[in-house]
Amino acid sequence: GLVPFNPTPEQYLPILEVVAECKKQGVWPFHHFNRIHIAPPLNISEQELVQGLEVIDKALDIADKYAD
């Protein structure tokens, strides 16, 4: 995986950068070690859901620079 289980601070950078970019765009995903959790509110509109997923998709481009 991109970020190993129980990573060192240096190995944790990809997930931190992805989450930071999401937050800059107004989406606040939960993250734990090498996982991103998405938990939208139950009353989210379809348009808001699509917008949030687009933000996450774009932020994941950051992770590509760390991929082998």
Protein backbone atom coordinates (compact mmCIF):
# COMPACT_ATOMS: atom_id res chain seq x y z
CA GLY A 1 0.00 0.00 0.00
CA LEU A 2 0.89 3.63 -0.31
CA VAL A 3 1.00 4.16 3.46
CA PRO A 4 1.96 1.09 5.51
CA PHE A 5 0.22 0.01 8.69
CA ASN A 6 1.65 1.86 11.71
CA PRO A 7 3.67 4.30 9.57
CA THR A 8 6.53 6.52 10.63
CA PRO A 9 5.82 10.27 10.39
CA GLU A 10 7.62 10.41 7.05
CA GLN A 11 5.62 7.47 5.64
CA TYR A 12 2.41 9.18 6.79
CA LEU A 13 2.89 12.24 4.53
CA PRO A 14 0.75 11.03 1.58
CA ILE A 15 -2.41 10.66 3.65
CA LEU A 16 -1.80 13.93 5.49
CA GLU A 17 -1.41 15.82 2.22
CA VAL A 18 -4.54 14.25 0.72
CA VAL A 19 -6.61 15.07 3.81
CA ALA A 20 -5.21 18.62 3.96
CA GLU A 21 -6.23 19.22 0.35
CA CYS A 22 -9.73 17.89 1.04
CA LYS A 23 -10.04 20.24 4.01
CA LYS A 24 -8.88 23.21 1.91
CA GLN A 25 -11.79 22.42 -0.42
CA GLY A 26 -14.32 22.13 2.43
CA VAL A 27 -14.48 18.34 2.80
CA TRP A 28 -13.38 16.96 6.18
CA PRO A 29 -12.79 13.20 5.90
CA PHE A 30 -11.72 11.14 8.90
CA HIS A 31 -8.34 9.46 8.60
CA HIS A 32 -6.73 6.76 10.66
CA PHE A 33 -3.28 5.43 9.83
CA ASN A 34 -3.50 4.43 6.16
CA ARG A 35 -7.26 4.84 5.66
CA ILE A 36 -9.64 7.65 4.76
CA HIS A 37 -13.18 7.31 6.08
CA ILE A 38 -16.02 9.15 4.40
CA ALA A 39 -19.12 9.67 6.53
CA PRO A 40 -21.47 12.23 4.96
CA PRO A 41 -24.49 13.41 6.93
CA LEU A 42 -27.65 11.40 6.33
CA ASN A 43 -29.44 14.47 4.96
CA ILE A 44 -26.84 15.21 2.25
CA SER A 45 -28.20 16.09 -1.18
CA GLU A 46 -27.10 14.21 -4.27
CA GLN A 47 -25.40 17.36 -5.58
CA GLU A 48 -23.44 17.81 -2.33
CA LEU A 49 -22.42 14.15 -2.41
CA VAL A 50 -21.13 14.46 -5.97
CA GLN A 51 -19.24 17.65 -5.09
CA GLY A 52 -17.64 16.01 -2.07
CA LEU A 53 -16.58 12.95 -4.04
CA GLU A 54 -15.10 15.18 -6.75
CA VAL A 55 -13.01 16.96 -4.11
CA ILE A 56 -11.75 13.64 -2.76
CA ASP A 57 -11.04 12.33 -6.25
CA LYS A 58 -9.00 15.43 -7.08
CA ALA A 59 -7.14 15.29 -3.75
CA LEU A 60 -6.18 11.67 -4.42
CA ASP A 61 -4.13 12.95 -7.38
CA ILE A 62 -1.64 14.09 -4.72
CA ALA A 63 -1.14 10.47 -3.70
CA ASP A 64 -0.16 9.57 -7.26
CA LYS A 65 3.21 11.29 -6.84
CA TYR A 66 4.02 8.85 -4.03
CA ALA A 67 2.98 5.73 -5.97
CA ASP A 68 5.67 3.46 -7.34
